[in-house]
């Protein structure tokens, strides 16, 4: 199932709710104002959305990345453990 996103028309500023691939078409028209739109007008936003979605999927599959001394929760030198 493809993600539906909302991007504003650069002419009428109305939100366009469509699947992400719809915004990649060479040419399409705004459902509200019927003015012509091109994929290039949305290219940066579409790229950013795709990267964010890919990162979200990666987190769901692998979990949040850990760094620093707390990546090993069993370590006695972890900054969240008090020394005994």
Protein backbone atom coordinates (compact mmCIF):
# COMPACT_ATOMS: atom_id res chain seq x y z
CA UNK A 1 0.00 0.00 0.00
CA UNK A 2 1.39 3.36 -0.99
CA UNK A 3 1.56 6.33 1.35
CA UNK A 4 -0.90 9.16 0.70
CA UNK A 5 0.57 12.58 1.31
CA UNK A 6 -0.70 16.12 1.30
CA UNK A 7 1.18 18.81 -0.61
CA UNK A 8 -0.08 22.33 -1.29
CA UNK A 9 -0.73 23.53 -4.81
CA UNK A 10 1.70 26.35 -5.61
CA UNK A 11 -1.09 28.27 -7.39
CA UNK A 12 -4.19 28.01 -5.19
CA UNK A 13 -2.52 26.79 -1.95
CA UNK A 14 -5.14 24.05 -1.54
CA UNK A 15 -3.96 20.74 -0.10
CA UNK A 16 -3.69 17.94 -2.64
CA UNK A 17 -4.13 14.50 -1.02
CA UNK A 18 -2.70 11.89 -3.37
CA UNK A 19 -0.34 8.89 -3.32
CA UNK A 20 3.31 9.93 -3.38
CA UNK A 21 3.75 8.49 -6.89
CA UNK A 22 1.04 10.86 -8.21
CA UNK A 23 3.37 13.81 -7.57
CA UNK A 24 6.09 12.11 -9.66
CA UNK A 25 4.08 12.21 -12.89
CA UNK A 26 5.58 14.32 -15.66
CA UNK A 27 2.49 16.51 -15.82
CA UNK A 28 -0.77 16.64 -13.83
CA UNK A 29 -3.43 19.16 -12.85
CA UNK A 30 -4.48 20.44 -9.47
CA UNK A 31 -7.84 18.92 -8.53
CA UNK A 32 -9.00 22.29 -7.15
CA UNK A 33 -7.84 25.00 -9.56
CA UNK A 34 -7.16 22.78 -12.60
CA UNK A 35 -3.83 24.50 -13.27
CA UNK A 36 -1.04 22.40 -14.72
CA UNK A 37 1.68 21.10 -12.46
CA UNK A 38 4.92 19.28 -13.21
CA UNK A 39 6.87 16.75 -11.18
CA UNK A 40 9.79 19.18 -10.95
CA UNK A 41 7.70 21.56 -8.85
CA UNK A 42 7.46 18.92 -6.14
CA UNK A 43 10.75 17.04 -6.68
CA UNK A 44 12.55 18.30 -3.56
CA UNK A 45 9.54 17.70 -1.31
CA UNK A 46 8.96 14.23 -2.77
CA UNK A 47 12.63 13.30 -2.28
CA UNK A 48 12.54 14.52 1.33
CA UNK A 49 9.34 12.57 2.01
CA UNK A 50 10.75 9.39 0.50
CA UNK A 51 13.90 9.67 2.61
CA UNK A 52 11.83 10.23 5.76
CA UNK A 53 9.60 7.26 4.96
CA UNK A 54 12.63 5.04 4.26
CA UNK A 55 14.18 6.08 7.57
CA UNK A 56 10.93 5.33 9.38
CA UNK A 57 10.77 1.85 7.86
CA UNK A 58 14.40 1.27 8.81
CA UNK A 59 13.66 2.18 12.44
CA UNK A 60 10.64 -0.15 12.47
CA UNK A 61 12.76 -3.01 11.17
CA UNK A 62 15.92 -2.48 13.18
CA UNK A 63 14.88 -0.28 16.10
CA UNK A 64 16.32 3.05 17.11
CA UNK A 65 20.07 3.34 16.53
CA UNK A 66 22.09 3.39 19.72
CA UNK A 67 25.37 5.13 20.29
CA UNK A 68 27.70 5.92 23.12
CA UNK A 69 28.24 3.88 26.26
CA UNK A 70 24.54 2.94 26.61
CA UNK A 71 24.37 0.90 23.42
CA UNK A 72 25.31 -2.08 25.56
CA UNK A 73 22.68 -1.93 28.30
CA UNK A 74 24.45 -4.65 30.28
CA UNK A 75 27.74 -2.81 30.46
CA UNK A 76 28.81 -1.92 33.98
CA UNK A 77 30.39 1.25 32.62
CA UNK A 78 27.08 2.51 31.21
CA UNK A 79 26.41 6.13 32.12
CA UNK A 80 22.99 5.19 33.53
CA UNK A 81 24.40 2.73 36.07
CA UNK A 82 25.79 3.86 39.37
CA UNK A 83 29.04 2.34 40.51
CA UNK A 84 28.79 0.09 43.51
